[in-house]
């Protein structure tokens, strides 16, 4: 079985380090990618790290992960709260998926309190800053052991 985990990032996450640093912190997406690769190495995982502002691209990557990966960690950004299509894509694959968020979405605007993808995923991690990514990798490693 593949030891690859897809780490997928949705809209506006390419703006990390610039967009609302009081909420999302000062790390860039490249910093997060490097931290994930390092953590993956420690866990014996290969990290395939991607970002897109396009819903269809994320869906294609989820389908690809279903064929090639051990699991998926996804920060779907705003699509978390709106995308039935991402929900359906996650349900269509058999590998575990962990939803993650940098901020505690439940302590923010009410529209962020509901996740369309949460019912389709193995678990949800939120509110630990960019460490949420590392926690998701640990969760996937445990879920597939």
C-alpha atoms as a PDB file:
ATOM      1  CA  UNK A   1       0.000   0.000   0.000  1.00  0.00           C
ATOM      2  CA  UNK A   2       1.149   3.537  -0.742  1.00  0.00           C
ATOM      3  CA  UNK A   3       2.571   5.564   2.112  1.00  0.00           C
ATOM      4  CA  UNK A   4       1.538   8.804   0.415  1.00  0.00           C
ATOM      5  CA  UNK A   5      -0.823  11.267   2.038  1.00  0.00           C
ATOM      6  CA  UNK A   6      -2.381  13.997  -0.051  1.00  0.00           C
ATOM      7  CA  UNK A   7      -2.531  17.338   1.778  1.00  0.00           C
ATOM      8  CA  UNK A   8      -5.066  19.423  -0.110  1.00  0.00           C
ATOM      9  CA  UNK A   9      -5.659  23.130   0.344  1.00  0.00           C
ATOM     10  CA  UNK A  10      -8.618  25.085  -0.953  1.00  0.00           C
ATOM     11  CA  UNK A  11      -9.298  28.692  -1.891  1.00  0.00           C
ATOM     12  CA  UNK A  12      -7.250  31.557  -0.512  1.00  0.00           C
ATOM     13  CA  UNK A  13      -4.821  29.331   1.370  1.00  0.00           C
ATOM     14  CA  UNK A  14      -2.168  30.483  -1.092  1.00  0.00           C
ATOM     15  CA  UNK A  15      -2.516  33.820   0.759  1.00  0.00           C
ATOM     16  CA  UNK A  16      -1.335  32.465   4.126  1.00  0.00           C
ATOM     17  CA  UNK A  17       1.089  34.857   5.760  1.00  0.00           C
ATOM     18  CA  UNK A  18      -0.653  37.820   4.098  1.00  0.00           C
ATOM     19  CA  UNK A  19      -4.376  37.234   4.687  1.00  0.00           C
ATOM     20  CA  UNK A  20      -5.638  38.075   8.168  1.00  0.00           C
ATOM     21  CA  UNK A  21      -2.484  37.093  10.080  1.00  0.00           C
ATOM     22  CA  UNK A  22      -4.333  37.687  13.360  1.00  0.00           C
ATOM     23  CA  UNK A  23      -6.508  34.690  12.505  1.00  0.00           C
ATOM     24  CA  UNK A  24      -4.273  32.547  10.305  1.00  0.00           C
ATOM     25  CA  UNK A  25      -0.801  33.451  11.598  1.00  0.00           C
ATOM     26  CA  UNK A  26       2.296  34.574   9.769  1.00  0.00           C
ATOM     27  CA  UNK A  27       3.390  31.299   8.182  1.00  0.00           C
ATOM     28  CA  UNK A  28       3.143  30.973   4.423  1.00  0.00           C
ATOM     29  CA  UNK A  29       1.709  27.955   2.643  1.00  0.00           C
ATOM     30  CA  UNK A  30       5.286  27.045   1.687  1.00  0.00           C
ATOM     31  CA  UNK A  31       6.182  27.024   5.405  1.00  0.00           C
ATOM     32  CA  UNK A  32       3.239  24.703   6.074  1.00  0.00           C
ATOM     33  CA  UNK A  33       4.285  22.439   3.206  1.00  0.00           C
ATOM     34  CA  UNK A  34       7.835  22.179   4.569  1.00  0.00           C
ATOM     35  CA  UNK A  35       6.505  21.367   8.066  1.00  0.00           C
ATOM     36  CA  UNK A  36       4.218  18.676   6.620  1.00  0.00           C
ATOM     37  CA  UNK A  37       7.043  17.110   4.632  1.00  0.00           C
ATOM     38  CA  UNK A  38       9.264  17.037   7.743  1.00  0.00           C
ATOM     39  CA  UNK A  39       6.488  15.546   9.883  1.00  0.00           C
ATOM     40  CA  UNK A  40       5.692  13.057   7.144  1.00  0.00           C
ATOM     41  CA  UNK A  41       9.302  11.936   7.076  1.00  0.00           C
ATOM     42  CA  UNK A  42       9.165  11.284  10.845  1.00  0.00           C
ATOM     43  CA  UNK A  43       5.934   9.304  10.392  1.00  0.00           C
ATOM     44  CA  UNK A  44       7.222   7.319   7.422  1.00  0.00           C
ATOM     45  CA  UNK A  45       4.853   9.095   5.035  1.00  0.00           C
ATOM     46  CA  UNK A  46       5.369  10.799   1.698  1.00  0.00           C
ATOM     47  CA  UNK A  47       3.463  14.077   1.472  1.00  0.00           C
ATOM     48  CA  UNK A  48       1.847  15.217  -1.766  1.00  0.00           C
ATOM     49  CA  UNK A  49       0.985  18.853  -0.947  1.00  0.00           C
ATOM     50  CA  UNK A  50      -1.325  20.820  -3.262  1.00  0.00           C
ATOM     51  CA  UNK A  51      -3.415  24.013  -3.336  1.00  0.00           C
ATOM     52  CA  UNK A  52      -6.138  25.201  -5.678  1.00  0.00           C
ATOM     53  CA  UNK A  53      -8.689  27.978  -5.701  1.00  0.00           C
ATOM     54  CA  UNK A  54     -10.897  25.811  -7.941  1.00  0.00           C
ATOM     55  CA  UNK A  55     -13.471  23.366  -6.597  1.00  0.00           C
ATOM     56  CA  UNK A  56     -13.287  21.010  -9.580  1.00  0.00           C
ATOM     57  CA  UNK A  57      -9.524  20.680  -9.244  1.00  0.00           C
ATOM     58  CA  UNK A  58      -9.914  19.708  -5.581  1.00  0.00           C
ATOM     59  CA  UNK A  59     -12.511  17.107  -6.583  1.00  0.00           C
ATOM     60  CA  UNK A  60     -10.151  15.662  -9.202  1.00  0.00           C
ATOM     61  CA  UNK A  61      -7.377  15.445  -6.605  1.00  0.00           C
ATOM     62  CA  UNK A  62      -9.673  13.694  -4.111  1.00  0.00           C
ATOM     63  CA  UNK A  63     -10.529  11.131  -6.798  1.00  0.00           C
ATOM     64  CA  UNK A  64      -6.826  10.710  -7.565  1.00  0.00           C
ATOM     65  CA  UNK A  65      -6.051  10.224  -3.875  1.00  0.00           C
ATOM     66  CA  UNK A  66      -8.644   7.473  -3.739  1.00  0.00           C
ATOM     67  CA  UNK A  67      -6.540   5.562  -6.262  1.00  0.00           C
ATOM     68  CA  UNK A  68      -3.013   6.491  -5.140  1.00  0.00           C
ATOM     69  CA  UNK A  69      -2.909   7.560  -1.497  1.00  0.00           C
ATOM     70  CA  UNK A  70      -3.080   6.181   2.015  1.00  0.00           C
ATOM     71  CA  UNK A  71      -5.302   9.104   3.032  1.00  0.00           C
ATOM     72  CA  UNK A  72      -6.133  12.776   2.614  1.00  0.00           C
ATOM     73  CA  UNK A  73      -5.779  15.783   4.898  1.00  0.00           C
ATOM     74  CA  UNK A  74      -7.892  18.628   3.546  1.00  0.00           C
ATOM     75  CA  UNK A  75      -8.242  22.256   4.459  1.00  0.00           C
ATOM     76  CA  UNK A  76     -11.032  23.060   2.043  1.00  0.00           C
ATOM     77  CA  UNK A  77     -11.173  26.711   3.085  1.00  0.00           C
ATOM     78  CA  UNK A  78     -14.548  28.314   2.402  1.00  0.00           C
ATOM     79  CA  UNK A  79     -15.626  25.270   0.360  1.00  0.00           C
ATOM     80  CA  UNK A  80     -15.939  23.484   3.709  1.00  0.00           C
ATOM     81  CA  UNK A  81     -19.137  25.413   4.333  1.00  0.00           C
ATOM     82  CA  UNK A  82     -20.633  25.293   0.843  1.00  0.00           C
ATOM     83  CA  UNK A  83     -19.533  22.305  -1.210  1.00  0.00           C
ATOM     84  CA  UNK A  84     -21.809  19.325  -1.552  1.00  0.00           C
ATOM     85  CA  UNK A  85     -19.564  18.323  -4.463  1.00  0.00           C
ATOM     86  CA  UNK A  86     -16.531  17.956  -2.159  1.00  0.00           C
ATOM     87  CA  UNK A  87     -18.702  15.993   0.283  1.00  0.00           C
ATOM     88  CA  UNK A  88     -19.719  13.632  -2.524  1.00  0.00           C
ATOM     89  CA  UNK A  89     -16.128  13.260  -3.776  1.00  0.00           C
ATOM     90  CA  UNK A  90     -14.946  12.315  -0.286  1.00  0.00           C
ATOM     91  CA  UNK A  91     -17.777   9.792   0.042  1.00  0.00           C
ATOM     92  CA  UNK A  92     -16.764   8.288  -3.310  1.00  0.00           C
ATOM     93  CA  UNK A  93     -13.303   7.200  -2.129  1.00  0.00           C
ATOM     94  CA  UNK A  94     -12.380   4.525   0.381  1.00  0.00           C
ATOM     95  CA  UNK A  95      -9.289   6.068   1.990  1.00  0.00           C
ATOM     96  CA  UNK A  96      -9.688   8.088   5.202  1.00  0.00           C
ATOM     97  CA  UNK A  97      -9.996  11.856   4.951  1.00  0.00           C
ATOM     98  CA  UNK A  98      -9.327  14.315   7.779  1.00  0.00           C
ATOM     99  CA  UNK A  99     -10.823  17.809   7.579  1.00  0.00           C
ATOM    100  CA  UNK A 100      -8.614  20.464   9.122  1.00  0.00           C
ATOM    101  CA  UNK A 101      -8.711  24.177   9.841  1.00  0.00           C
ATOM    102  CA  UNK A 102      -6.093  26.581  11.122  1.00  0.00           C
ATOM    103  CA  UNK A 103      -8.602  28.619  13.140  1.00  0.00           C
ATOM    104  CA  UNK A 104     -11.347  27.405  15.439  1.00  0.00           C
ATOM    105  CA  UNK A 105     -14.204  27.793  12.984  1.00  0.00           C
ATOM    106  CA  UNK A 106     -16.720  27.395  15.827  1.00  0.00           C
ATOM    107  CA  UNK A 107     -15.429  30.569  17.484  1.00  0.00           C
ATOM    108  CA  UNK A 108     -15.866  32.607  14.311  1.00  0.00           C
ATOM    109  CA  UNK A 109     -18.769  33.810  12.164  1.00  0.00           C
ATOM    110  CA  UNK A 110     -21.862  31.635  12.385  1.00  0.00           C
ATOM    111  CA  UNK A 111     -21.719  30.625   8.713  1.00  0.00           C
ATOM    112  CA  UNK A 112     -18.397  28.898   9.472  1.00  0.00           C
ATOM    113  CA  UNK A 113     -19.952  26.706  12.179  1.00  0.00           C
ATOM    114  CA  UNK A 114     -21.412  24.223   9.688  1.00  0.00           C
ATOM    115  CA  UNK A 115     -19.260  21.963   7.540  1.00  0.00           C
ATOM    116  CA  UNK A 116     -20.735  20.337   4.454  1.00  0.00           C
ATOM    117  CA  UNK A 117     -17.834  17.882   4.332  1.00  0.00           C
ATOM    118  CA  UNK A 118     -17.671  16.866   8.030  1.00  0.00           C
ATOM    119  CA  UNK A 119     -20.268  14.084   7.676  1.00  0.00           C
ATOM    120  CA  UNK A 120     -18.093  12.475   4.980  1.00  0.00           C
ATOM    121  CA  UNK A 121     -14.707  12.566   6.749  1.00  0.00           C
ATOM    122  CA  UNK A 122     -13.037  10.374   9.385  1.00  0.00           C
ATOM    123  CA  UNK A 123     -12.491  13.331  11.725  1.00  0.00           C
ATOM    124  CA  UNK A 124     -12.094  17.086  12.058  1.00  0.00           C
ATOM    125  CA  UNK A 125      -9.205  19.054  13.569  1.00  0.00           C
ATOM    126  CA  UNK A 126      -9.465  22.805  14.066  1.00  0.00           C
ATOM    127  CA  UNK A 127      -8.088  25.677  16.070  1.00  0.00           C
ATOM    128  CA  UNK A 128      -4.448  24.672  16.507  1.00  0.00           C
ATOM    129  CA  UNK A 129      -2.967  27.046  13.964  1.00  0.00           C
ATOM    130  CA  UNK A 130      -0.837  25.445  11.300  1.00  0.00           C
ATOM    131  CA  UNK A 131      -0.152  22.636  13.788  1.00  0.00           C
ATOM    132  CA  UNK A 132      -3.602  21.369  12.714  1.00  0.00           C
ATOM    133  CA  UNK A 133      -1.887  20.018   9.590  1.00  0.00           C
ATOM    134  CA  UNK A 134       0.605  18.001  11.632  1.00  0.00           C
ATOM    135  CA  UNK A 135      -2.150  16.697  13.899  1.00  0.00           C
ATOM    136  CA  UNK A 136      -4.069  15.583  10.796  1.00  0.00           C
ATOM    137  CA  UNK A 137      -1.031  13.645   9.563  1.00  0.00           C
ATOM    138  CA  UNK A 138      -0.743  11.889  12.919  1.00  0.00           C
ATOM    139  CA  UNK A 139      -4.466  11.095  12.831  1.00  0.00           C
ATOM    140  CA  UNK A 140      -4.166   9.608   9.339  1.00  0.00           C
ATOM    141  CA  UNK A 141      -1.144   7.545  10.334  1.00  0.00           C
ATOM    142  CA  UNK A 142      -3.146   6.143  13.282  1.00  0.00           C
ATOM    143  CA  UNK A 143      -6.261   5.566  11.178  1.00  0.00           C
ATOM    144  CA  UNK A 144      -4.329   3.502   8.644  1.00  0.00           C
ATOM    145  CA  UNK A 145      -2.065   1.550  11.015  1.00  0.00           C
END
